[in-house]
Amino acid sequence: RSAAQAGRTHARHRTRMATLAGLLAFTSAASVASFKPQIISFDTLSQSRSFASDAHQLLAEALSNSGIIQLSNIPQFAALRKEVLASAHTCLSDNSVGASHIFEDGTLRRTIASLTVTGPGGAQPFADAKSSRCDKFNSVSDKFRAVADEAVRAFTTTLTSM
């Protein structure tokens, strides 16, 4: 076999491998994009006494198979989320609030964080959100965190009862 033939054969193999790798990546992306978690309504979950055994089974299967569920219809969640995001932007426009990082591409990321500790009064205030621009953010984020806490408690109560 000549060197030229070996080179062409090698090139065909590289092309096939690149095509195969592309197909695998596409297939992998398509399977990830098509994943849909089990959806359970907050109302159903929060009424654990009426949460039927077949629904318990769905929850158990979802958690066993993918480990993921989607909790839907959480009261006030969507509206409060929008308010928190909008007011966070206003709060972070005060340069003394939060932390910032400039990435190599010039993107500026501003971050504000808090924590939750175990026990009563667990949701701690945002320590560096003391600017007057943060008043609405602090108020709305307290409400949002309470709604999220209620959803987590409903999930945990149901899970514990199984």
N, C-alpha and C. Protein backbone atom coordinates (compact mmCIF):
# COMPACT_ATOMS: atom_id res chain seq x y z
N ARG A 1 0.84 -1.17 0.00
CA ARG A 1 0.00 0.00 0.00
C ARG A 1 0.89 1.24 0.00
N SER A 2 0.52 2.22 -0.79
CA SER A 2 1.36 3.41 -0.90
C SER A 2 1.07 4.38 0.24
N ALA A 3 1.99 5.30 0.41
CA ALA A 3 1.84 6.32 1.46
C ALA A 3 0.62 7.19 1.18
N ALA A 4 0.35 7.46 -0.11
CA ALA A 4 -0.80 8.29 -0.49
C ALA A 4 -2.10 7.59 -0.12
N GLN A 5 -2.19 6.27 -0.40
CA GLN A 5 -3.39 5.51 -0.06
C GLN A 5 -3.59 5.47 1.45
N ALA A 6 -2.52 5.27 2.19
CA ALA A 6 -2.60 5.23 3.65
C ALA A 6 -3.08 6.58 4.18
N GLY A 7 -2.62 7.66 3.56
CA GLY A 7 -3.03 9.00 3.98
C GLY A 7 -4.51 9.22 3.73
N ARG A 8 -5.01 8.77 2.54
CA ARG A 8 -6.44 8.92 2.23
C ARG A 8 -7.29 8.08 3.18
N THR A 9 -6.83 6.86 3.46
CA THR A 9 -7.56 5.99 4.38
C THR A 9 -7.62 6.63 5.77
N HIS A 10 -6.52 7.17 6.21
CA HIS A 10 -6.47 7.83 7.51
C HIS A 10 -7.41 9.03 7.53
N ALA A 11 -7.46 9.80 6.46
CA ALA A 11 -8.33 10.97 6.37
C ALA A 11 -9.79 10.54 6.43
N ARG A 12 -10.15 9.44 5.72
CA ARG A 12 -11.53 8.94 5.75
C ARG A 12 -11.91 8.51 7.17
N HIS A 13 -10.99 7.86 7.86
CA HIS A 13 -11.27 7.43 9.23
C HIS A 13 -11.47 8.63 10.15
N ARG A 14 -10.64 9.65 9.97
CA ARG A 14 -10.81 10.86 10.80
C ARG A 14 -12.15 11.51 10.52
N THR A 15 -12.56 11.57 9.25
CA THR A 15 -13.84 12.15 8.88
C THR A 15 -14.98 11.36 9.50
N ARG A 16 -14.90 10.02 9.40
CA ARG A 16 -15.94 9.18 9.98
C ARG A 16 -16.00 9.35 11.50
N MET A 17 -14.84 9.41 12.14
CA MET A 17 -14.81 9.58 13.59
C MET A 17 -15.39 10.94 13.99
N ALA A 18 -15.07 11.98 13.23
CA ALA A 18 -15.61 13.30 13.52
C ALA A 18 -17.12 13.30 13.33
N THR A 19 -17.60 12.64 12.27
CA THR A 19 -19.03 12.55 12.03
C THR A 19 -19.71 11.77 13.17
N LEU A 20 -19.11 10.66 13.55
CA LEU A 20 -19.65 9.86 14.64
C LEU A 20 -19.68 10.67 15.94
N ALA A 21 -18.62 11.38 16.22
CA ALA A 21 -18.57 12.20 17.43
C ALA A 21 -19.66 13.27 17.39
N GLY A 22 -19.85 13.87 16.21
CA GLY A 22 -20.90 14.88 16.06
C GLY A 22 -22.28 14.29 16.27
N LEU A 23 -22.50 13.11 15.73
CA LEU A 23 -23.80 12.45 15.91
C LEU A 23 -24.03 12.09 17.37
N LEU A 24 -23.00 11.61 18.04
CA LEU A 24 -23.14 11.28 19.46
C LEU A 24 -23.45 12.52 20.28
N ALA A 25 -22.77 13.61 19.97
CA ALA A 25 -23.02 14.86 20.69
C ALA A 25 -24.44 15.34 20.43
N PHE A 26 -24.89 15.25 19.16
CA PHE A 26 -26.24 15.67 18.80
C PHE A 26 -27.26 14.79 19.51
N THR A 27 -27.04 13.48 19.48
CA THR A 27 -27.95 12.54 20.14
C THR A 27 -28.00 12.81 21.63
N SER A 28 -26.85 13.05 22.22
CA SER A 28 -26.79 13.33 23.65
C SER A 28 -27.54 14.62 23.97
N ALA A 29 -27.32 15.66 23.18
CA ALA A 29 -28.00 16.94 23.40
C ALA A 29 -29.50 16.78 23.20
N ALA A 30 -29.90 16.01 22.20
CA ALA A 30 -31.31 15.81 21.93
C ALA A 30 -31.97 15.07 23.09
N SER A 31 -31.29 14.09 23.65
CA SER A 31 -31.89 13.34 24.76
C SER A 31 -31.99 14.21 26.01
N VAL A 32 -31.02 15.09 26.22
CA VAL A 32 -31.08 15.99 27.37
C VAL A 32 -32.21 16.99 27.16
N ALA A 33 -32.32 17.52 25.95
CA ALA A 33 -33.34 18.52 25.67
C ALA A 33 -34.74 17.93 25.79
N SER A 34 -34.90 16.64 25.58
CA SER A 34 -36.23 16.05 25.62
C SER A 34 -36.62 15.54 27.00
N PHE A 35 -35.73 15.65 27.98
CA PHE A 35 -36.06 15.19 29.32
C PHE A 35 -37.15 16.05 29.92
N LYS A 36 -38.17 15.41 30.46
CA LYS A 36 -39.24 16.12 31.13
C LYS A 36 -39.45 15.49 32.50
N PRO A 37 -39.22 16.25 33.56
CA PRO A 37 -39.39 15.68 34.90
C PRO A 37 -40.86 15.43 35.22
N GLN A 38 -41.10 14.57 36.19
CA GLN A 38 -42.45 14.33 36.68
C GLN A 38 -42.95 15.62 37.32
N ILE A 39 -44.15 16.08 36.92
CA ILE A 39 -44.72 17.32 37.44
C ILE A 39 -45.75 16.99 38.51
N ILE A 40 -45.61 17.60 39.67
CA ILE A 40 -46.56 17.42 40.77
C ILE A 40 -46.99 18.81 41.22
N SER A 41 -48.30 19.00 41.31
CA SER A 41 -48.85 20.28 41.72
C SER A 41 -48.62 20.52 43.21
N PHE A 42 -48.32 21.76 43.56
CA PHE A 42 -48.14 22.13 44.95
C PHE A 42 -49.38 21.79 45.77
N ASP A 43 -50.57 22.06 45.21
CA ASP A 43 -51.82 21.75 45.92
C ASP A 43 -51.90 20.28 46.27
N THR A 44 -51.56 19.44 45.32
CA THR A 44 -51.60 18.00 45.55
C THR A 44 -50.59 17.61 46.62
N LEU A 45 -49.42 18.16 46.53
CA LEU A 45 -48.35 17.82 47.47
C LEU A 45 -48.65 18.33 48.87
N SER A 46 -49.19 19.54 48.97
CA SER A 46 -49.42 20.13 50.29
C SER A 46 -50.62 19.52 51.01
N GLN A 47 -51.45 18.79 50.29
CA GLN A 47 -52.59 18.10 50.92
C GLN A 47 -52.23 16.63 51.05
N SER A 48 -51.19 16.35 51.83
CA SER A 48 -50.61 15.01 51.88
C SER A 48 -51.59 13.94 52.33
N ARG A 49 -52.61 14.30 53.12
CA ARG A 49 -53.57 13.28 53.53
C ARG A 49 -54.35 12.76 52.33
N SER A 50 -54.63 13.65 51.37
CA SER A 50 -55.38 13.23 50.19
C SER A 50 -54.46 12.85 49.03
N PHE A 51 -53.17 12.86 49.29
CA PHE A 51 -52.17 12.52 48.27
C PHE A 51 -52.23 11.01 48.07
N ALA A 52 -52.94 10.58 47.06
CA ALA A 52 -53.26 9.17 46.85
C ALA A 52 -52.02 8.30 46.72
N SER A 53 -52.18 7.03 47.03
CA SER A 53 -51.05 6.11 46.99
C SER A 53 -50.45 6.00 45.59
N ASP A 54 -51.28 6.14 44.55
CA ASP A 54 -50.71 6.10 43.20
C ASP A 54 -49.84 7.33 42.94
N ALA A 55 -50.21 8.47 43.53
CA ALA A 55 -49.37 9.66 43.42
C ALA A 55 -48.08 9.47 44.20
N HIS A 56 -48.17 8.82 45.37
CA HIS A 56 -46.95 8.47 46.13
C HIS A 56 -46.04 7.62 45.26
N GLN A 57 -46.65 6.69 44.53
CA GLN A 57 -45.88 5.80 43.66
C GLN A 57 -45.19 6.61 42.55
N LEU A 58 -45.91 7.57 41.95
CA LEU A 58 -45.31 8.42 40.91
C LEU A 58 -44.13 9.20 41.46
N LEU A 59 -44.30 9.75 42.67
CA LEU A 59 -43.21 10.50 43.29
C LEU A 59 -42.02 9.58 43.56
N ALA A 60 -42.29 8.41 44.09
CA ALA A 60 -41.21 7.46 44.38
C ALA A 60 -40.49 7.04 43.11
N GLU A 61 -41.24 6.79 42.03
CA GLU A 61 -40.62 6.39 40.76
C GLU A 61 -39.77 7.53 40.19
N ALA A 62 -40.32 8.74 40.21
CA ALA A 62 -39.58 9.88 39.67
C ALA A 62 -38.27 10.08 40.43
N LEU A 63 -38.33 9.99 41.74
CA LEU A 63 -37.13 10.20 42.54
C LEU A 63 -36.15 9.03 42.37
N SER A 64 -36.67 7.84 42.14
CA SER A 64 -35.79 6.68 41.93
C SER A 64 -35.16 6.69 40.54
N ASN A 65 -35.93 7.08 39.53
CA ASN A 65 -35.44 7.05 38.15
C ASN A 65 -34.49 8.19 37.83
N SER A 66 -34.98 9.41 37.96
CA SER A 66 -34.15 10.55 37.59
C SER A 66 -33.69 11.36 38.79
N GLY A 67 -34.41 11.23 39.89
CA GLY A 67 -34.09 12.02 41.07
C GLY A 67 -34.62 13.44 40.98
N ILE A 68 -35.47 13.68 39.97
CA ILE A 68 -35.93 15.05 39.73
C ILE A 68 -37.45 15.07 39.63
N ILE A 69 -38.08 16.04 40.31
CA ILE A 69 -39.49 16.32 40.09
C ILE A 69 -39.62 17.81 39.83
N GLN A 70 -40.73 18.19 39.25
CA GLN A 70 -41.02 19.61 39.06
C GLN A 70 -42.26 19.92 39.87
N LEU A 71 -42.14 20.84 40.79
CA LEU A 71 -43.27 21.24 41.61
C LEU A 71 -43.92 22.44 40.92
N SER A 72 -45.20 22.30 40.57
CA SER A 72 -45.87 23.36 39.82
C SER A 72 -46.93 24.05 40.67
N ASN A 73 -47.39 25.18 40.17
CA ASN A 73 -48.49 25.93 40.78
C ASN A 73 -48.23 26.33 42.24
N ILE A 74 -47.01 26.74 42.53
CA ILE A 74 -46.70 27.23 43.87
C ILE A 74 -47.29 28.63 43.99
N PRO A 75 -48.19 28.84 44.95
CA PRO A 75 -48.85 30.15 45.05
C PRO A 75 -47.85 31.30 45.16
N GLN A 76 -48.04 32.32 44.35
CA GLN A 76 -47.26 33.57 44.33
C GLN A 76 -45.83 33.41 43.83
N PHE A 77 -45.38 32.21 43.54
CA PHE A 77 -43.98 31.99 43.18
C PHE A 77 -43.57 32.80 41.94
N ALA A 78 -44.31 32.69 40.86
CA ALA A 78 -43.92 33.34 39.60
C ALA A 78 -43.88 34.86 39.74
N ALA A 79 -44.90 35.43 40.35
CA ALA A 79 -44.95 36.90 40.49
C ALA A 79 -43.84 37.40 41.41
N LEU A 80 -43.63 36.71 42.53
CA LEU A 80 -42.57 37.13 43.46
C LEU A 80 -41.19 36.96 42.84
N ARG A 81 -41.01 35.91 42.05
CA ARG A 81 -39.71 35.69 41.38
C ARG A 81 -39.38 36.87 40.47
N LYS A 82 -40.36 37.32 39.69
CA LYS A 82 -40.14 38.48 38.80
C LYS A 82 -39.79 39.72 39.61
N GLU A 83 -40.51 39.93 40.70
CA GLU A 83 -40.24 41.10 41.54
C GLU A 83 -38.85 41.04 42.18
N VAL A 84 -38.46 39.86 42.64
CA VAL A 84 -37.14 39.71 43.25
C VAL A 84 -36.05 40.01 42.23
N LEU A 85 -36.19 39.46 41.03
CA LEU A 85 -35.15 39.68 40.00
C LEU A 85 -35.06 41.15 39.61
N ALA A 86 -36.20 41.80 39.44
CA ALA A 86 -36.19 43.23 39.07
C ALA A 86 -35.61 44.08 40.19
N SER A 87 -36.02 43.81 41.43
CA SER A 87 -35.53 44.62 42.55
C SER A 87 -34.06 44.31 42.87
N ALA A 88 -33.61 43.10 42.58
CA ALA A 88 -32.18 42.77 42.77
C ALA A 88 -31.33 43.61 41.83
N HIS A 89 -31.82 43.81 40.61
CA HIS A 89 -31.08 44.63 39.64
C HIS A 89 -30.93 46.06 40.18
N THR A 90 -32.02 46.60 40.71
CA THR A 90 -31.98 47.95 41.27
C THR A 90 -31.02 48.01 42.46
N CYS A 91 -31.13 47.02 43.32
CA CYS A 91 -30.27 46.96 44.51
C CYS A 91 -28.79 46.90 44.12
N LEU A 92 -28.48 46.05 43.16
CA LEU A 92 -27.08 45.88 42.76
C LEU A 92 -26.54 47.04 41.93
N SER A 93 -27.42 47.96 41.53
CA SER A 93 -26.93 49.13 40.80
C SER A 93 -26.15 50.07 41.72
N ASP A 94 -26.30 49.87 43.04
CA ASP A 94 -25.48 50.58 44.01
C ASP A 94 -24.17 49.78 44.12
N ASN A 95 -23.08 50.37 43.70
CA ASN A 95 -21.80 49.65 43.64
C ASN A 95 -21.27 49.18 44.99
N SER A 96 -21.85 49.70 46.10
CA SER A 96 -21.37 49.26 47.41
C SER A 96 -22.03 47.94 47.84
N VAL A 97 -22.99 47.47 47.07
CA VAL A 97 -23.75 46.27 47.42
C VAL A 97 -23.23 45.06 46.66
N GLY A 98 -23.06 43.97 47.38
CA GLY A 98 -22.71 42.70 46.74
C GLY A 98 -21.25 42.62 46.34
N ALA A 99 -20.97 41.51 45.68
CA ALA A 99 -19.62 41.26 45.17
C ALA A 99 -19.67 41.34 43.66
N SER A 100 -18.53 41.63 43.06
CA SER A 100 -18.50 41.69 41.60
C SER A 100 -17.25 41.00 41.07
N HIS A 101 -17.35 40.56 39.84
CA HIS A 101 -16.23 39.92 39.17
C HIS A 101 -16.30 40.28 37.69
N ILE A 102 -15.15 40.65 37.14
CA ILE A 102 -15.08 40.92 35.70
C ILE A 102 -14.36 39.74 35.05
N PHE A 103 -15.06 39.10 34.10
CA PHE A 103 -14.48 37.95 33.39
C PHE A 103 -13.55 38.44 32.27
N GLU A 104 -12.76 37.52 31.74
CA GLU A 104 -11.79 37.85 30.69
C GLU A 104 -12.44 38.51 29.48
N ASP A 105 -13.70 38.13 29.18
CA ASP A 105 -14.38 38.71 28.02
C ASP A 105 -15.00 40.08 28.31
N GLY A 106 -14.79 40.58 29.54
CA GLY A 106 -15.31 41.90 29.91
C GLY A 106 -16.68 41.85 30.59
N THR A 107 -17.27 40.68 30.70
CA THR A 107 -18.57 40.55 31.35
C THR A 107 -18.43 40.85 32.84
N LEU A 108 -19.31 41.69 33.35
CA LEU A 108 -19.32 42.02 34.76
C LEU A 108 -20.43 41.22 35.42
N ARG A 109 -20.10 40.46 36.44
CA ARG A 109 -21.11 39.72 37.21
C ARG A 109 -21.19 40.34 38.59
N ARG A 110 -22.41 40.72 38.97
CA ARG A 110 -22.67 41.25 40.31
C ARG A 110 -23.47 40.20 41.05
N THR A 111 -23.14 39.94 42.30
CA THR A 111 -23.78 38.89 43.07
C THR A 111 -24.11 39.39 44.46
N ILE A 112 -25.28 38.99 44.93
CA ILE A 112 -25.67 39.26 46.31
C ILE A 112 -26.11 37.92 46.89
N ALA A 113 -25.74 37.64 48.11
CA ALA A 113 -26.05 36.34 48.67
C ALA A 113 -26.44 36.44 50.13
N SER A 114 -27.14 35.43 50.56
CA SER A 114 -27.51 35.28 51.96
C SER A 114 -27.38 33.81 52.30
N LEU A 115 -27.84 33.44 53.47
CA LEU A 115 -27.83 32.04 53.84
C LEU A 115 -29.04 31.74 54.71
N THR A 116 -29.31 30.47 54.85
CA THR A 116 -30.39 30.02 55.71
C THR A 116 -29.77 29.06 56.72
N VAL A 117 -30.08 29.28 57.98
CA VAL A 117 -29.57 28.40 59.02
C VAL A 117 -30.72 27.53 59.54
N THR A 118 -30.39 26.43 60.15
CA THR A 118 -31.39 25.52 60.69
C THR A 118 -32.12 26.17 61.85
N GLY A 119 -33.41 25.94 61.92
CA GLY A 119 -34.20 26.41 63.05
C GLY A 119 -35.03 27.62 62.74
N PRO A 120 -35.76 28.10 63.76
CA PRO A 120 -36.62 29.28 63.58
C PRO A 120 -35.80 30.50 63.15
N GLY A 121 -36.38 31.29 62.28
CA GLY A 121 -35.68 32.47 61.79
C GLY A 121 -34.52 32.11 60.89
N GLY A 122 -34.62 30.98 60.20
CA GLY A 122 -33.51 30.45 59.41
C GLY A 122 -33.03 31.33 58.27
N ALA A 123 -33.96 32.00 57.59
CA ALA A 123 -33.57 32.85 56.46
C ALA A 123 -32.91 34.11 56.99
N GLN A 124 -31.62 34.22 56.79
CA GLN A 124 -30.85 35.35 57.29
C GLN A 124 -30.96 36.53 56.31
N PRO A 125 -30.92 37.75 56.83
CA PRO A 125 -31.01 38.92 55.94
C PRO A 125 -29.78 39.02 55.03
N PHE A 126 -29.95 39.73 53.95
CA PHE A 126 -28.84 39.99 53.03
C PHE A 126 -27.98 41.07 53.68
N ALA A 127 -26.86 40.66 54.24
CA ALA A 127 -26.03 41.53 55.08
C ALA A 127 -25.54 42.78 54.36
N ASP A 128 -25.22 42.66 53.07
CA ASP A 128 -24.66 43.83 52.39
C ASP A 128 -25.70 44.58 51.56
N ALA A 129 -26.99 44.30 51.77
CA ALA A 129 -28.05 44.99 51.02
C ALA A 129 -28.66 46.09 51.89
N LYS A 130 -27.82 46.98 52.37
CA LYS A 130 -28.28 48.02 53.29
C LYS A 130 -28.58 49.35 52.60
N SER A 131 -28.29 49.45 51.32
CA SER A 131 -28.56 50.67 50.58
C SER A 131 -30.07 50.89 50.47
N SER A 132 -30.49 52.14 50.39
CA SER A 132 -31.92 52.43 50.23
C SER A 132 -32.45 51.84 48.91
N ARG A 133 -31.56 51.62 47.95
CA ARG A 133 -31.97 51.00 46.69
C ARG A 133 -32.38 49.53 46.89
N CYS A 134 -32.07 48.97 48.07
CA CYS A 134 -32.33 47.56 48.34
C CYS A 134 -33.58 47.34 49.19
N ASP A 135 -34.28 48.40 49.57
CA ASP A 135 -35.44 48.24 50.45
C ASP A 135 -36.49 47.30 49.84
N LYS A 136 -36.85 47.54 48.58
CA LYS A 136 -37.86 46.68 47.94
C LYS A 136 -37.32 45.26 47.79
N PHE A 137 -36.07 45.13 47.41
CA PHE A 137 -35.48 43.79 47.26
C PHE A 137 -35.56 43.02 48.57
N ASN A 138 -35.20 43.66 49.68
CA ASN A 138 -35.24 42.99 50.98
C ASN A 138 -36.66 42.55 51.33
N SER A 139 -37.62 43.42 51.08
CA SER A 139 -39.02 43.11 51.40
C SER A 139 -39.54 41.95 50.53
N VAL A 140 -39.33 42.06 49.24
CA VAL A 140 -39.85 41.04 48.31
C VAL A 140 -39.10 39.72 48.47
N SER A 141 -37.80 39.78 48.70
CA SER A 141 -37.05 38.53 48.83
C SER A 141 -37.47 37.77 50.09
N ASP A 142 -37.85 38.49 51.15
CA ASP A 142 -38.36 37.81 52.35
C ASP A 142 -39.63 37.02 52.01
N LYS A 143 -40.53 37.64 51.26
CA LYS A 143 -41.77 36.96 50.86
C LYS A 143 -41.47 35.77 49.95
N PHE A 144 -40.57 35.97 49.00
CA PHE A 144 -40.21 34.91 48.06
C PHE A 144 -39.58 33.72 48.79
N ARG A 145 -38.70 34.00 49.70
CA ARG A 145 -38.05 32.93 50.47
C ARG A 145 -39.06 32.18 51.33
N ALA A 146 -40.07 32.88 51.86
CA ALA A 146 -41.11 32.21 52.65
C ALA A 146 -41.94 31.27 51.78
N VAL A 147 -42.24 31.69 50.56
CA VAL A 147 -42.99 30.83 49.62
C VAL A 147 -42.16 29.61 49.25
N ALA A 148 -40.88 29.81 48.96
CA ALA A 148 -40.00 28.69 48.63
C ALA A 148 -39.88 27.74 49.82
N ASP A 149 -39.79 28.29 51.02
CA ASP A 149 -39.71 27.47 52.22
C ASP A 149 -40.97 26.62 52.38
N GLU A 150 -42.12 27.22 52.13
CA GLU A 150 -43.38 26.47 52.25
C GLU A 150 -43.41 25.32 51.25
N ALA A 151 -42.93 25.54 50.04
CA ALA A 151 -42.90 24.48 49.02
C ALA A 151 -41.95 23.36 49.43
N VAL A 152 -40.79 23.71 49.94
CA VAL A 152 -39.82 22.70 50.38
C VAL A 152 -40.39 21.90 51.55
N ARG A 153 -41.05 22.58 52.47
CA ARG A 153 -41.65 21.88 53.62
C ARG A 153 -42.75 20.92 53.17
N ALA A 154 -43.57 21.32 52.20
CA ALA A 154 -44.62 20.43 51.69
C ALA A 154 -44.00 19.19 51.05
N PHE A 155 -42.94 19.38 50.28
CA PHE A 155 -42.24 18.25 49.65
C PHE A 155 -41.66 17.32 50.72
N THR A 156 -40.98 17.91 51.70
CA THR A 156 -40.32 17.08 52.73
C THR A 156 -41.34 16.33 53.57
N THR A 157 -42.43 16.99 53.89
CA THR A 157 -43.48 16.34 54.68
C THR A 157 -44.04 15.14 53.93
N THR A 158 -44.30 15.32 52.64
CA THR A 158 -44.83 14.22 51.83
C THR A 158 -43.81 13.12 51.70
N LEU A 159 -42.59 13.47 51.43
CA LEU A 159 -41.52 12.47 51.28
C LEU A 159 -41.34 11.68 52.57
N THR A 160 -41.37 12.36 53.69
CA THR A 160 -41.19 11.70 54.98
C THR A 160 -42.36 10.76 55.29
N SER A 161 -43.55 11.07 54.80
CA SER A 161 -44.71 10.24 55.08
C SER A 161 -44.78 8.98 54.21
N MET A 162 -43.90 8.88 53.25
CA MET A 162 -43.96 7.73 52.32
C MET A 162 -43.33 6.48 52.93
